[in-house]
N, C-alpha and C. Protein backbone atom coordinates (compact mmCIF):
# COMPACT_ATOMS: atom_id res chain seq x y z
N MET A 1 82.44 110.90 77.43
CA MET A 1 83.04 109.74 76.69
C MET A 1 83.26 109.18 75.56
N LEU A 2 83.27 109.88 74.41
CA LEU A 2 83.70 109.53 73.16
C LEU A 2 85.09 110.53 73.33
N ARG A 3 85.16 111.57 73.49
CA ARG A 3 86.50 112.10 73.77
C ARG A 3 87.66 110.99 74.52
N ARG A 4 87.21 110.88 75.38
CA ARG A 4 87.98 109.51 76.04
C ARG A 4 88.18 108.56 75.40
N GLN A 5 87.32 107.89 74.59
CA GLN A 5 87.81 106.86 73.71
C GLN A 5 88.69 107.20 72.46
N PHE A 6 88.65 108.77 71.80
CA PHE A 6 89.27 108.78 71.41
C PHE A 6 91.02 108.91 71.55
N ILE A 7 91.37 109.52 72.95
CA ILE A 7 92.22 109.61 73.22
C ILE A 7 93.30 108.32 73.27
N ILE A 8 92.29 107.58 74.13
CA ILE A 8 92.68 106.08 74.56
C ILE A 8 93.15 105.17 72.63
N SER A 9 92.40 105.69 71.96
CA SER A 9 92.41 104.89 70.68
C SER A 9 93.88 105.63 69.71
N THR A 10 94.22 106.85 70.15
CA THR A 10 95.51 107.26 69.41
C THR A 10 96.16 106.88 69.86
N LEU A 11 96.35 107.12 71.56
CA LEU A 11 97.76 106.61 72.31
C LEU A 11 97.35 105.37 71.79
N ALA A 12 96.81 104.37 71.53
CA ALA A 12 97.22 102.93 71.41
C ALA A 12 97.49 102.73 70.11
N LEU A 13 97.03 103.51 69.15
CA LEU A 13 98.15 103.71 67.60
C LEU A 13 99.76 104.29 67.69
N GLY A 14 99.90 104.61 68.84
CA GLY A 14 101.05 105.12 69.25
C GLY A 14 101.65 105.79 68.30
N LEU A 15 100.78 106.99 68.34
CA LEU A 15 100.83 108.14 67.28
C LEU A 15 101.84 109.32 68.26
N ALA A 16 102.64 110.54 67.53
CA ALA A 16 103.47 111.13 68.04
C ALA A 16 102.34 112.29 68.35
N PRO A 17 103.36 112.81 69.61
CA PRO A 17 102.51 114.15 70.28
C PRO A 17 101.71 115.10 69.41
N ALA A 18 102.30 115.32 67.91
CA ALA A 18 102.01 116.43 67.42
C ALA A 18 100.58 115.93 66.64
N ALA A 19 100.51 114.63 65.77
CA ALA A 19 99.22 113.96 65.74
C ALA A 19 98.29 113.88 67.00
N PHE A 20 98.84 113.49 67.95
CA PHE A 20 97.59 113.42 69.13
C PHE A 20 97.09 114.87 69.18
N ALA A 21 97.65 116.10 69.02
CA ALA A 21 97.39 117.05 69.32
C ALA A 21 96.66 117.37 68.43
N GLN A 22 97.09 117.05 66.95
CA GLN A 22 96.41 117.74 65.46
C GLN A 22 94.84 117.33 65.64
N GLY A 23 94.89 115.66 66.18
CA GLY A 23 93.57 114.73 65.84
C GLY A 23 92.86 115.12 66.90
N TYR A 24 93.22 115.59 68.06
CA TYR A 24 91.88 116.04 69.19
C TYR A 24 92.46 117.59 69.62
N GLY A 25 91.78 118.54 68.88
CA GLY A 25 92.05 119.95 68.77
C GLY A 25 93.23 120.47 69.62
N ARG A 26 93.26 120.86 70.85
CA ARG A 26 94.50 121.17 71.51
C ARG A 26 94.75 120.53 72.53
N LEU A 27 94.38 119.26 72.88
CA LEU A 27 94.45 118.34 73.97
C LEU A 27 95.86 117.77 73.38
N SER A 28 97.10 117.95 74.13
CA SER A 28 98.10 117.02 73.98
C SER A 28 98.62 115.79 74.74
N GLN A 29 99.89 115.17 74.48
CA GLN A 29 99.56 114.17 75.28
C GLN A 29 100.18 114.57 76.64
N GLY A 30 100.60 115.90 76.62
CA GLY A 30 101.28 116.64 77.84
C GLY A 30 100.13 117.54 78.85
N ASP A 31 98.87 117.45 77.90
CA ASP A 31 98.00 118.09 78.76
C ASP A 31 97.33 116.75 79.38
N ALA A 32 97.10 115.40 78.37
CA ALA A 32 96.96 114.10 79.13
C ALA A 32 97.77 114.06 80.55
N ARG A 33 98.98 114.10 80.42
CA ARG A 33 99.42 114.05 81.86
C ARG A 33 99.01 114.93 82.89
N SER A 34 99.08 116.59 82.33
CA SER A 34 98.83 117.29 83.33
C SER A 34 97.26 116.65 83.79
N GLY A 35 96.34 116.42 83.19
CA GLY A 35 94.90 115.87 83.94
C GLY A 35 95.48 114.80 84.79
N ILE A 36 96.38 113.76 84.10
CA ILE A 36 96.34 112.58 85.06
C ILE A 36 96.84 113.04 86.74
N ARG A 37 98.10 113.87 86.20
CA ARG A 37 98.53 114.80 87.93
C ARG A 37 97.49 115.16 88.46
N ALA A 38 96.51 116.45 88.19
CA ALA A 38 95.28 117.03 88.24
C ALA A 38 94.59 116.00 89.10
N ALA A 39 94.28 114.99 88.42
CA ALA A 39 93.16 114.02 88.93
C ALA A 39 93.88 113.44 90.44
N LEU A 40 95.14 113.04 90.21
CA LEU A 40 95.59 112.26 91.55
C LEU A 40 96.39 113.51 92.46
N ASP A 41 96.43 114.23 92.33
CA ASP A 41 96.97 115.41 93.52
C ASP A 41 94.96 115.49 93.76
N THR A 42 94.35 115.95 93.47
CA THR A 42 92.71 116.03 93.83
C THR A 42 92.33 115.08 94.85
N ALA A 43 92.81 113.46 94.25
CA ALA A 43 92.31 112.67 95.29
C ALA A 43 92.79 112.36 96.32
N ALA A 44 94.16 112.57 95.79
CA ALA A 44 94.97 112.19 97.62
C ALA A 44 94.90 113.15 98.58
N ARG A 45 94.78 114.34 97.97
CA ARG A 45 94.72 115.63 98.61
C ARG A 45 93.37 115.44 99.79
N LEU A 46 92.04 114.97 99.18
CA LEU A 46 90.70 115.23 99.23
C LEU A 46 90.45 113.48 100.29
N ALA A 47 91.37 112.43 100.02
CA ALA A 47 91.47 111.56 100.67
C ALA A 47 92.08 111.91 101.75
N THR A 48 93.40 112.55 102.44
CA THR A 48 93.92 112.89 103.15
C THR A 48 93.26 113.49 104.16
N ASN A 49 92.76 114.23 103.25
CA ASN A 49 91.90 115.42 104.49
C ASN A 49 90.69 114.84 105.04
N ARG A 50 90.35 113.72 104.24
CA ARG A 50 88.90 113.29 105.04
C ARG A 50 89.64 112.21 105.96
N LEU A 51 90.92 111.46 105.69
CA LEU A 51 91.54 110.45 106.63
C LEU A 51 92.04 111.40 107.88
N GLY A 52 92.40 112.55 107.92
CA GLY A 52 92.95 113.68 108.69
C GLY A 52 92.22 113.65 110.03
N GLN A 53 90.66 113.74 109.49
CA GLN A 53 89.74 114.45 110.58
C GLN A 53 89.72 113.40 111.80
N THR A 54 89.43 114.15 112.66
CA THR A 54 89.39 112.70 114.32
C THR A 54 87.92 111.83 113.72
N ASP A 55 88.25 110.41 113.48
CA ASP A 55 87.70 109.67 113.49
C ASP A 55 87.61 109.09 112.40
N GLY A 56 88.59 110.00 111.30
CA GLY A 56 88.53 109.76 109.82
C GLY A 56 89.14 107.99 109.85
N PHE A 57 89.49 107.18 110.61
CA PHE A 57 90.15 106.25 110.50
C PHE A 57 89.23 105.29 111.51
N PHE A 58 89.50 105.95 112.84
CA PHE A 58 88.74 105.03 113.87
C PHE A 58 87.16 105.06 113.39
N GLY A 59 86.17 105.77 113.19
CA GLY A 59 84.86 105.89 112.91
C GLY A 59 84.44 105.50 111.73
N ASP A 60 85.44 105.42 110.93
CA ASP A 60 84.88 104.61 109.11
C ASP A 60 85.68 103.25 109.13
N PRO A 61 84.67 102.34 109.48
CA PRO A 61 83.94 100.99 108.93
C PRO A 61 85.04 100.55 107.59
N ALA A 62 85.49 101.01 106.60
CA ALA A 62 85.96 100.95 105.38
C ALA A 62 87.51 100.75 105.89
N VAL A 63 87.82 101.80 106.12
CA VAL A 63 89.72 101.55 106.62
C VAL A 63 89.91 101.79 108.12
N HIS A 64 89.00 101.49 109.17
CA HIS A 64 89.49 101.49 111.00
C HIS A 64 90.61 100.13 110.48
N ILE A 65 92.02 100.65 111.30
CA ILE A 65 92.66 99.69 111.43
C ILE A 65 92.57 99.27 113.04
N PRO A 66 92.16 97.72 112.47
CA PRO A 66 92.27 96.93 113.97
C PRO A 66 93.63 96.92 114.43
N LEU A 67 93.94 95.95 115.34
CA LEU A 67 95.08 95.45 115.95
C LEU A 67 95.84 94.43 115.27
N PRO A 68 96.92 94.18 115.27
CA PRO A 68 97.09 93.33 114.44
C PRO A 68 96.96 91.93 114.91
N ARG A 69 96.58 91.07 114.21
CA ARG A 69 96.37 89.74 114.46
C ARG A 69 96.34 88.88 115.74
N ASN A 70 97.60 89.07 115.88
CA ASN A 70 97.91 87.77 117.28
C ASN A 70 97.55 88.75 118.62
N ILE A 71 97.17 90.49 118.58
CA ILE A 71 97.08 90.92 119.87
C ILE A 71 95.51 90.94 119.62
N ALA A 72 94.75 91.32 118.27
CA ALA A 72 93.33 91.43 118.24
C ALA A 72 92.52 89.93 118.91
N SER A 73 93.50 88.74 118.44
CA SER A 73 92.67 87.23 118.95
C SER A 73 92.91 87.42 120.54
N LEU A 74 93.99 88.11 121.20
CA LEU A 74 93.74 88.27 122.65
C LEU A 74 93.01 89.16 122.73
N GLN A 75 92.60 90.35 122.04
CA GLN A 75 91.66 91.39 122.40
C GLN A 75 90.21 90.60 122.62
N THR A 76 89.74 89.82 121.63
CA THR A 76 88.65 88.94 121.64
C THR A 76 88.57 88.25 122.89
N GLN A 77 89.07 87.77 123.23
CA GLN A 77 89.37 86.62 123.90
C GLN A 77 89.41 87.71 125.50
N LEU A 78 89.82 88.65 125.84
CA LEU A 78 90.13 89.54 126.92
C LEU A 78 88.30 90.14 126.81
N ARG A 79 87.68 90.17 125.85
CA ARG A 79 86.89 91.12 125.73
C ARG A 79 85.64 90.34 126.58
N ARG A 80 86.00 89.23 126.50
CA ARG A 80 84.62 88.01 126.99
C ARG A 80 84.58 88.14 128.40
N VAL A 81 85.96 88.38 129.16
CA VAL A 81 85.65 88.77 130.66
C VAL A 81 86.26 89.95 130.94
N GLY A 82 85.55 91.12 130.11
CA GLY A 82 85.39 92.46 130.51
C GLY A 82 87.22 93.07 131.16
N MET A 83 88.03 92.36 130.46
CA MET A 83 89.51 92.80 130.68
C MET A 83 90.07 93.41 129.23
N SER A 84 89.52 94.13 128.22
CA SER A 84 89.74 94.03 127.18
C SER A 84 90.36 96.00 126.92
N GLY A 85 90.45 96.36 128.28
CA GLY A 85 89.88 98.21 128.03
C GLY A 85 91.77 98.38 127.67
N PRO A 86 92.93 97.92 128.26
CA PRO A 86 94.12 98.18 128.10
C PRO A 86 94.27 98.08 126.17
N VAL A 87 94.17 96.86 125.72
CA VAL A 87 93.89 96.80 124.23
C VAL A 87 93.08 97.48 123.47
N ASP A 88 92.02 97.18 124.00
CA ASP A 88 91.21 98.79 123.02
C ASP A 88 91.75 100.06 122.82
N ASP A 89 92.02 100.38 124.17
CA ASP A 89 92.73 102.11 124.00
C ASP A 89 93.81 101.77 122.97
N LEU A 90 94.56 100.43 122.79
CA LEU A 90 95.93 100.65 122.08
C LEU A 90 95.19 100.99 120.42
N GLU A 91 94.32 100.46 120.60
CA GLU A 91 93.57 100.39 119.11
C GLU A 91 93.07 101.44 118.92
N LEU A 92 92.35 102.37 119.62
CA LEU A 92 92.14 103.60 119.33
C LEU A 92 93.22 104.42 119.01
N ARG A 93 94.25 104.65 120.11
CA ARG A 93 95.56 105.35 119.80
C ARG A 93 95.83 105.09 118.57
N ILE A 94 96.33 103.54 118.12
CA ILE A 94 97.10 103.70 116.61
C ILE A 94 95.88 104.12 115.66
N ASN A 95 94.66 104.41 115.54
CA ASN A 95 93.86 105.14 114.64
C ASN A 95 94.20 106.60 114.84
N ARG A 96 94.03 106.64 116.06
CA ARG A 96 94.29 108.21 116.26
C ARG A 96 95.82 108.38 115.38
N SER A 97 96.63 107.43 115.60
CA SER A 97 97.97 108.03 115.13
C SER A 97 98.15 108.39 113.59
N ALA A 98 97.25 107.46 112.84
CA ALA A 98 97.46 107.11 111.54
C ALA A 98 96.70 108.35 111.04
N GLU A 99 95.50 108.84 112.06
CA GLU A 99 94.93 110.52 111.36
C GLU A 99 96.18 111.89 111.33
N ALA A 100 96.85 111.48 112.53
CA ALA A 100 97.61 112.03 112.67
C ALA A 100 98.69 112.15 111.40
N ALA A 101 98.74 111.61 111.09
CA ALA A 101 100.13 111.29 110.12
C ALA A 101 99.64 111.81 108.73
N MET A 102 98.32 111.88 108.64
CA MET A 102 97.79 112.23 107.17
C MET A 102 98.58 113.43 106.71
N PRO A 103 98.62 114.74 107.58
CA PRO A 103 98.93 115.83 106.50
C PRO A 103 100.71 115.00 106.03
N GLU A 104 101.55 114.47 106.66
CA GLU A 104 102.71 114.04 106.00
C GLU A 104 102.23 112.72 104.81
N ALA A 105 101.54 112.03 104.86
CA ALA A 105 101.13 112.01 103.92
C ALA A 105 100.92 112.42 102.75
N GLY A 106 99.84 113.50 102.67
CA GLY A 106 99.42 114.31 101.93
C GLY A 106 100.91 114.92 100.69
N ARG A 107 101.75 115.46 101.64
CA ARG A 107 103.26 116.20 100.99
C ARG A 107 103.76 115.12 100.33
N ILE A 108 103.72 113.59 101.23
CA ILE A 108 104.25 112.51 100.48
C ILE A 108 103.69 112.48 98.96
N PHE A 109 102.10 112.01 98.91
CA PHE A 109 101.68 111.68 97.81
C PHE A 109 101.76 112.79 96.84
N ASN A 110 101.61 114.31 97.30
CA ASN A 110 101.90 115.20 95.86
C ASN A 110 103.32 114.97 95.30
N ASP A 111 104.59 114.90 96.61
CA ASP A 111 105.89 114.79 95.49
C ASP A 111 105.73 113.80 94.51
N ALA A 112 105.12 112.42 95.04
CA ALA A 112 104.77 111.30 94.11
C ALA A 112 104.30 111.42 92.83
N VAL A 113 103.26 112.02 92.91
CA VAL A 113 102.26 112.56 91.76
C VAL A 113 102.92 113.24 90.89
N GLN A 114 104.06 114.05 91.20
CA GLN A 114 104.61 115.11 90.17
C GLN A 114 105.84 114.35 89.19
N SER A 115 105.75 113.23 90.16
CA SER A 115 106.91 112.50 89.11
C SER A 115 106.18 111.60 87.92
N ILE A 116 105.32 111.44 87.66
CA ILE A 116 104.56 110.92 86.61
C ILE A 116 105.06 111.80 85.05
N THR A 117 105.03 110.84 84.23
CA THR A 117 106.00 110.84 83.11
C THR A 117 104.75 110.90 82.20
N VAL A 118 105.24 111.44 80.73
CA VAL A 118 103.91 111.00 79.42
C VAL A 118 103.71 110.16 79.46
N GLY A 119 105.12 108.98 79.27
CA GLY A 119 104.66 107.59 79.56
C GLY A 119 103.95 106.89 80.57
N ASP A 120 103.78 107.44 81.51
CA ASP A 120 102.92 107.04 82.44
C ASP A 120 101.22 107.36 82.51
N ALA A 121 101.43 108.51 82.02
CA ALA A 121 100.09 109.34 81.41
C ALA A 121 99.25 108.26 80.76
N VAL A 122 100.20 108.15 79.73
CA VAL A 122 99.55 107.19 78.39
C VAL A 122 98.90 106.26 78.70
N SER A 123 99.71 105.26 79.64
CA SER A 123 99.08 103.99 80.00
C SER A 123 98.22 104.16 81.06
N ILE A 124 97.64 105.25 81.34
CA ILE A 124 96.90 105.28 82.88
C ILE A 124 95.64 106.12 82.29
N VAL A 125 95.63 106.80 81.19
CA VAL A 125 94.40 107.31 80.41
C VAL A 125 94.43 105.96 79.49
N ARG A 126 94.74 105.06 79.11
CA ARG A 126 94.09 103.80 78.44
C ARG A 126 93.71 102.81 79.27
N GLY A 127 93.65 103.21 81.16
CA GLY A 127 93.00 101.92 81.64
C GLY A 127 92.02 102.54 82.41
N GLY A 128 91.74 101.44 83.81
CA GLY A 128 90.39 101.73 83.85
C GLY A 128 89.75 102.79 84.81
N ASP A 129 89.02 102.29 85.72
CA ASP A 129 88.34 103.82 86.43
C ASP A 129 89.64 103.93 88.08
N THR A 130 90.33 103.18 87.58
CA THR A 130 91.22 103.38 89.31
C THR A 130 92.78 102.91 88.91
N ALA A 131 93.07 103.17 87.33
CA ALA A 131 94.40 102.90 87.03
C ALA A 131 95.22 103.80 87.65
N ALA A 132 95.34 105.13 87.83
CA ALA A 132 96.17 105.85 87.92
C ALA A 132 96.24 105.68 89.80
N THR A 133 95.18 105.24 90.23
CA THR A 133 96.05 105.12 91.90
C THR A 133 96.03 103.47 91.75
N ASP A 134 95.95 102.73 90.77
CA ASP A 134 96.58 101.42 90.50
C ASP A 134 98.78 101.49 90.40
N TYR A 135 98.64 102.61 89.67
CA TYR A 135 99.91 103.23 89.24
C TYR A 135 100.66 103.70 90.33
N LEU A 136 100.10 104.43 90.80
CA LEU A 136 100.65 105.03 91.98
C LEU A 136 101.00 104.25 92.98
N ARG A 137 100.32 103.27 93.49
CA ARG A 137 100.54 102.41 94.76
C ARG A 137 101.91 101.65 93.80
N GLY A 138 101.42 101.15 92.84
CA GLY A 138 102.54 100.57 92.34
C GLY A 138 103.82 100.85 92.46
N ARG A 139 103.90 101.97 92.10
CA ARG A 139 105.65 102.60 91.66
C ARG A 139 105.68 103.55 93.07
N SER A 140 104.85 103.55 93.94
CA SER A 140 105.19 104.24 95.16
C SER A 140 105.50 103.63 96.47
N GLU A 141 104.61 102.59 96.41
CA GLU A 141 104.07 102.20 98.12
C GLU A 141 105.16 101.98 98.94
N SER A 142 106.29 101.43 98.59
CA SER A 142 107.53 100.92 99.19
C SER A 142 108.16 102.51 99.37
N ARG A 143 108.37 103.23 98.59
CA ARG A 143 109.01 104.46 98.99
C ARG A 143 108.04 105.39 100.16
N LEU A 144 106.85 104.85 99.65
CA LEU A 144 105.87 106.04 100.68
C LEU A 144 105.72 105.01 102.16
N THR A 145 106.00 104.20 102.01
CA THR A 145 106.19 103.37 103.21
C THR A 145 107.27 103.69 104.46
N GLY A 146 108.42 103.88 103.68
CA GLY A 146 109.20 104.14 104.16
C GLY A 146 109.82 105.62 104.64
N LEU A 147 108.92 106.64 104.19
CA LEU A 147 108.82 108.15 104.34
C LEU A 147 107.55 108.26 105.21
N LEU A 148 106.92 107.52 105.24
CA LEU A 148 105.74 107.76 106.34
C LEU A 148 106.01 107.20 107.96
N ARG A 149 106.84 105.97 107.64
CA ARG A 149 107.01 105.76 108.84
C ARG A 149 107.76 106.59 110.20
N PRO A 150 108.61 107.07 109.57
CA PRO A 150 108.78 108.03 111.05
C PRO A 150 107.45 109.33 111.15
N SER A 151 106.94 109.76 110.45
CA SER A 151 105.79 110.25 111.58
C SER A 151 105.06 109.70 111.69
N MET A 152 104.67 107.98 110.99
CA MET A 152 103.67 107.35 112.00
C MET A 152 104.27 107.23 113.80
N GLU A 153 105.59 107.16 113.71
CA GLU A 153 106.26 106.68 115.10
C GLU A 153 105.90 107.78 115.95
N ASP A 154 105.84 108.93 115.07
CA ASP A 154 106.09 110.80 115.85
C ASP A 154 104.51 110.47 116.70
N ALA A 155 103.44 110.16 115.41
CA ALA A 155 102.45 110.22 115.93
C ALA A 155 101.57 109.08 116.70
N LEU A 156 102.41 107.61 116.81
CA LEU A 156 102.29 106.84 118.12
C LEU A 156 103.22 107.18 119.17
N THR A 157 104.10 107.98 119.44
CA THR A 157 104.38 108.52 120.24
C THR A 157 103.41 109.60 121.25
N GLY A 158 103.21 110.67 120.29
CA GLY A 158 102.34 111.36 120.81
C GLY A 158 101.06 111.35 121.33
N SER A 159 100.31 110.05 120.55
CA SER A 159 98.92 109.94 120.77
C SER A 159 98.96 108.87 122.04
N GLY A 160 100.38 108.57 122.67
CA GLY A 160 100.38 107.47 123.69
C GLY A 160 100.10 106.05 123.31
N ALA A 161 100.06 105.45 122.27
CA ALA A 161 100.10 104.38 122.08
C ALA A 161 101.20 103.31 122.39
N TYR A 162 102.89 103.90 121.99
CA TYR A 162 103.72 103.46 122.80
C TYR A 162 103.48 103.45 124.15
N ARG A 163 103.12 103.98 124.90
CA ARG A 163 102.88 103.78 125.95
C ARG A 163 101.96 102.80 126.45
N ALA A 164 100.59 102.67 125.80
CA ALA A 164 99.86 101.79 125.82
C ALA A 164 100.64 99.91 125.62
N VAL A 165 101.84 100.67 125.06
CA VAL A 165 102.32 98.79 124.27
C VAL A 165 103.22 98.64 125.31
N ASP A 166 103.94 99.57 126.15
CA ASP A 166 104.49 99.65 127.49
C ASP A 166 104.03 98.96 128.10
N ALA A 167 102.18 99.63 128.51
CA ALA A 167 101.59 99.12 129.67
C ALA A 167 101.24 97.58 129.84
N VAL A 168 101.39 96.66 128.44
CA VAL A 168 101.50 95.28 128.75
C VAL A 168 101.92 94.76 128.44
N GLU A 169 103.57 95.28 128.67
CA GLU A 169 104.96 94.85 128.35
C GLU A 169 105.21 93.99 129.62
N PRO A 170 104.59 94.03 130.93
CA PRO A 170 105.38 93.00 132.13
C PRO A 170 104.79 91.71 131.43
N GLN A 171 103.30 91.80 131.00
CA GLN A 171 102.27 90.45 131.21
C GLN A 171 102.92 89.86 130.24
N ILE A 172 103.62 90.50 128.99
CA ILE A 172 103.66 89.71 127.76
C ILE A 172 105.72 89.04 128.15
N SER A 173 106.04 90.05 128.81
CA SER A 173 107.51 89.38 129.33
C SER A 173 107.19 88.19 130.57
N GLY A 174 106.58 88.65 131.03
CA GLY A 174 106.28 87.36 132.45
C GLY A 174 105.26 86.02 132.32
N GLY A 175 104.92 85.93 130.81
CA GLY A 175 103.92 85.25 130.68
C GLY A 175 102.78 84.30 131.29
N GLN A 176 102.71 85.63 131.98
CA GLN A 176 101.36 85.19 133.02
C GLN A 176 99.96 85.15 132.43
N ASN A 177 99.81 85.50 131.25
CA ASN A 177 98.53 85.17 130.76
C ASN A 177 98.62 85.39 129.34
N LEU A 178 97.00 85.49 128.14
CA LEU A 178 97.04 85.00 127.60
C LEU A 178 98.49 85.91 126.39
N LEU A 179 98.44 87.52 126.56
CA LEU A 179 99.95 87.53 125.99
C LEU A 179 101.33 86.86 126.21
N GLY A 180 101.80 86.47 127.69
CA GLY A 180 102.89 85.72 127.56
C GLY A 180 102.47 84.85 126.50
N SER A 181 101.46 83.69 126.54
CA SER A 181 101.21 82.50 126.10
C SER A 181 101.82 83.13 124.14
N LEU A 182 101.29 83.96 123.75
CA LEU A 182 101.57 84.52 122.55
C LEU A 182 102.93 84.82 122.50
N PHE A 183 103.59 85.21 123.53
CA PHE A 183 105.04 86.01 123.18
C PHE A 183 106.39 85.06 123.95
N GLY A 184 105.87 84.10 124.76
CA GLY A 184 106.98 83.54 125.53
C GLY A 184 106.95 84.21 126.61
N ASN A 185 108.31 83.61 127.15
CA ASN A 185 108.95 84.39 128.61
C ASN A 185 110.08 85.52 128.26
N ARG A 186 109.73 86.00 126.68
CA ARG A 186 111.15 86.96 126.74
C ARG A 186 110.27 88.30 126.94
N SER A 187 111.38 89.29 126.99
CA SER A 187 110.54 91.09 126.52
C SER A 187 110.44 91.34 125.30
N ALA A 188 109.19 91.44 124.88
CA ALA A 188 108.66 91.95 123.61
C ALA A 188 108.33 93.27 123.21
N THR A 189 108.66 94.23 124.19
CA THR A 189 108.39 95.54 123.91
C THR A 189 108.88 96.15 122.54
N GLY A 190 109.89 96.18 122.81
CA GLY A 190 110.59 96.15 121.10
C GLY A 190 109.93 95.90 119.93
N SER A 191 109.77 94.66 120.02
CA SER A 191 109.27 93.87 118.71
C SER A 191 107.76 94.30 118.59
N LEU A 192 107.35 94.00 119.44
CA LEU A 192 105.74 94.39 119.57
C LEU A 192 105.53 95.85 119.09
N ARG A 193 106.49 96.70 119.68
CA ARG A 193 106.45 98.52 118.57
C ARG A 193 106.82 98.24 117.94
N ASP A 194 107.88 97.40 117.20
CA ASP A 194 107.76 97.49 115.75
C ASP A 194 106.89 96.55 115.05
N SER A 195 105.94 96.10 115.45
CA SER A 195 104.63 95.21 114.79
C SER A 195 103.51 96.25 115.22
N VAL A 196 103.30 96.93 115.63
CA VAL A 196 102.71 97.94 115.79
C VAL A 196 102.50 98.81 114.61
N THR A 197 104.06 99.25 114.85
CA THR A 197 104.25 100.44 113.51
C THR A 197 104.21 100.11 112.44
N ASP A 198 104.60 98.77 111.98
CA ASP A 198 104.71 98.38 110.48
C ASP A 198 103.12 98.26 110.48
N HIS A 199 102.08 97.12 111.01
CA HIS A 199 100.85 97.52 111.00
C HIS A 199 100.17 98.73 110.44
N ALA A 200 99.87 99.75 111.68
CA ALA A 200 99.65 101.22 111.55
C ALA A 200 100.03 101.78 110.09
N VAL A 201 101.35 101.58 109.56
CA VAL A 201 101.72 102.45 108.48
C VAL A 201 101.06 101.61 107.24
N SER A 202 100.73 100.28 107.63
CA SER A 202 100.69 99.29 106.14
C SER A 202 98.71 99.74 105.84
N ARG A 203 98.08 99.47 107.17
CA ARG A 203 96.84 99.69 107.16
C ARG A 203 96.30 101.35 106.77
N ALA A 204 97.22 102.40 107.11
CA ALA A 204 97.31 103.80 107.07
C ALA A 204 97.09 103.78 105.29
N ILE A 205 98.20 103.15 104.82
CA ILE A 205 98.73 103.21 103.20
C ILE A 205 97.09 102.75 102.65
N ASP A 206 96.74 101.64 102.90
CA ASP A 206 95.41 101.20 102.56
C ASP A 206 94.69 102.12 102.38
N GLY A 207 94.29 102.67 103.37
CA GLY A 207 93.24 103.75 103.53
C GLY A 207 93.12 104.19 102.59
N VAL A 208 94.35 105.37 102.57
CA VAL A 208 94.27 105.97 101.97
C VAL A 208 94.33 105.81 100.23
N PHE A 209 94.62 104.35 99.84
CA PHE A 209 94.60 103.99 98.61
C PHE A 209 93.20 103.85 98.06
N HIS A 210 92.44 103.26 99.19
CA HIS A 210 91.13 103.25 99.07
C HIS A 210 90.42 104.36 98.79
N TYR A 211 90.73 105.57 99.54
CA TYR A 211 89.96 106.26 99.06
C TYR A 211 90.26 107.69 97.80
N ILE A 212 91.77 107.31 97.85
CA ILE A 212 92.16 108.16 96.31
C ILE A 212 91.21 107.27 94.98
N GLY A 213 91.20 105.90 95.23
CA GLY A 213 90.60 105.28 94.29
C GLY A 213 88.91 105.60 93.90
N GLN A 214 88.42 105.65 94.87
CA GLN A 214 87.45 106.21 94.95
C GLN A 214 87.15 107.98 94.49
N GLU A 215 87.79 108.64 94.53
CA GLU A 215 88.00 109.65 94.34
C GLU A 215 88.43 110.32 92.55
N GLU A 216 89.45 109.21 92.63
CA GLU A 216 90.00 108.91 90.83
C GLU A 216 88.43 108.50 90.29
N ARG A 217 87.85 107.54 90.44
CA ARG A 217 86.47 106.76 89.80
C ARG A 217 85.70 107.95 89.66
N ALA A 218 85.08 108.72 90.66
CA ALA A 218 84.30 110.19 90.72
C ALA A 218 84.93 110.77 89.97
N ILE A 219 86.05 111.39 89.81
CA ILE A 219 86.24 112.40 89.10
C ILE A 219 86.39 111.69 87.32
N ARG A 220 86.45 110.31 87.01
CA ARG A 220 86.33 109.82 85.72
C ARG A 220 85.10 109.36 85.35
N GLN A 221 84.18 109.63 86.38
CA GLN A 221 82.80 109.34 85.78
C GLN A 221 81.75 110.59 86.26
N ASP A 222 81.60 111.16 87.05
CA ASP A 222 80.78 112.33 87.05
C ASP A 222 81.83 113.67 87.09
N PRO A 223 80.77 114.56 85.74
CA PRO A 223 81.58 115.65 85.45
C PRO A 223 81.49 116.57 86.80
N VAL A 224 80.54 116.38 87.60
CA VAL A 224 80.79 117.46 88.42
C VAL A 224 82.25 117.22 89.34
N ARG A 225 82.70 116.40 89.62
CA ARG A 225 83.88 116.39 90.19
C ARG A 225 85.06 117.05 89.81
N ARG A 226 84.68 117.49 88.29
CA ARG A 226 86.05 117.94 87.43
C ARG A 226 86.10 119.42 87.49
N GLY A 227 86.98 119.66 88.53
CA GLY A 227 86.69 121.16 89.18
C GLY A 227 87.59 121.76 88.65
N THR A 228 88.51 121.45 87.59
CA THR A 228 89.23 122.35 86.59
C THR A 228 89.05 121.99 85.02
N ASP A 229 89.69 122.86 84.56
CA ASP A 229 89.54 123.11 82.83
C ASP A 229 90.32 121.68 82.50
N ILE A 230 91.54 121.46 82.86
CA ILE A 230 92.61 120.35 82.56
C ILE A 230 91.21 119.09 82.62
N LEU A 231 90.95 118.83 84.06
CA LEU A 231 90.51 117.38 84.14
C LEU A 231 89.03 117.57 83.07
N ARG A 232 88.21 118.70 82.90
CA ARG A 232 87.13 118.37 81.82
C ARG A 232 87.66 117.85 80.51
N ARG A 233 88.98 118.49 79.97
CA ARG A 233 89.55 118.43 78.84
C ARG A 233 89.75 117.15 78.97
N VAL A 234 90.19 116.57 79.99
CA VAL A 234 90.98 115.08 79.55
C VAL A 234 90.13 113.98 80.12
N PHE A 235 88.82 114.23 80.78
CA PHE A 235 88.33 113.18 81.00
C PHE A 235 86.60 113.72 80.82
N GLY A 236 86.39 114.72 79.92
CA GLY A 236 85.32 114.97 79.37
C GLY A 236 84.46 114.19 78.42
């Protein structure tokens, strides 16, 4: 804790890298950047590995991806009469798609982490327990969304989620039931696919950052979680 307070105080005074290093042994601002990168790389790897397992999303209430609001409302009503099977299946397949997209998400996060600069590291070291996570999300979420969407589309195709969307399309376009009342008498497969994809990507990213934040907090607070020398030096 004393080491971290010294780093924060030094950075707050705006001392040059040489003074920073002189004032605290061998730890430089470059070391601070390396430590932040290592912490985020570790946190992102653990988070995506965890969520990439079967039931990583579907079986975890903290990150489970529900159906988009309009379909979820319908799901609730259909469940009352025992007819929610198709939309329940869609919900499962959306979560399976998010799990399948995690390896690609891990690679995207790794690339984003490497872009952190010394100036970024200064602000992050001075921040709270999830400062690195907050920084990463603020600087990379829109790019991550665009990069993750193609792999999510592939996963939604491979899991059969899009087939599940197509299966309810006649009901939507015909306006014969509750789905029809929500979407009117037009064919909504395309727009519904887009809605499901956007929703899956957004909630998958929410889930990853949820666990990246937890891992970062653990690294900062628990010495046992600092598995490398650079992490021990920066957060010790």
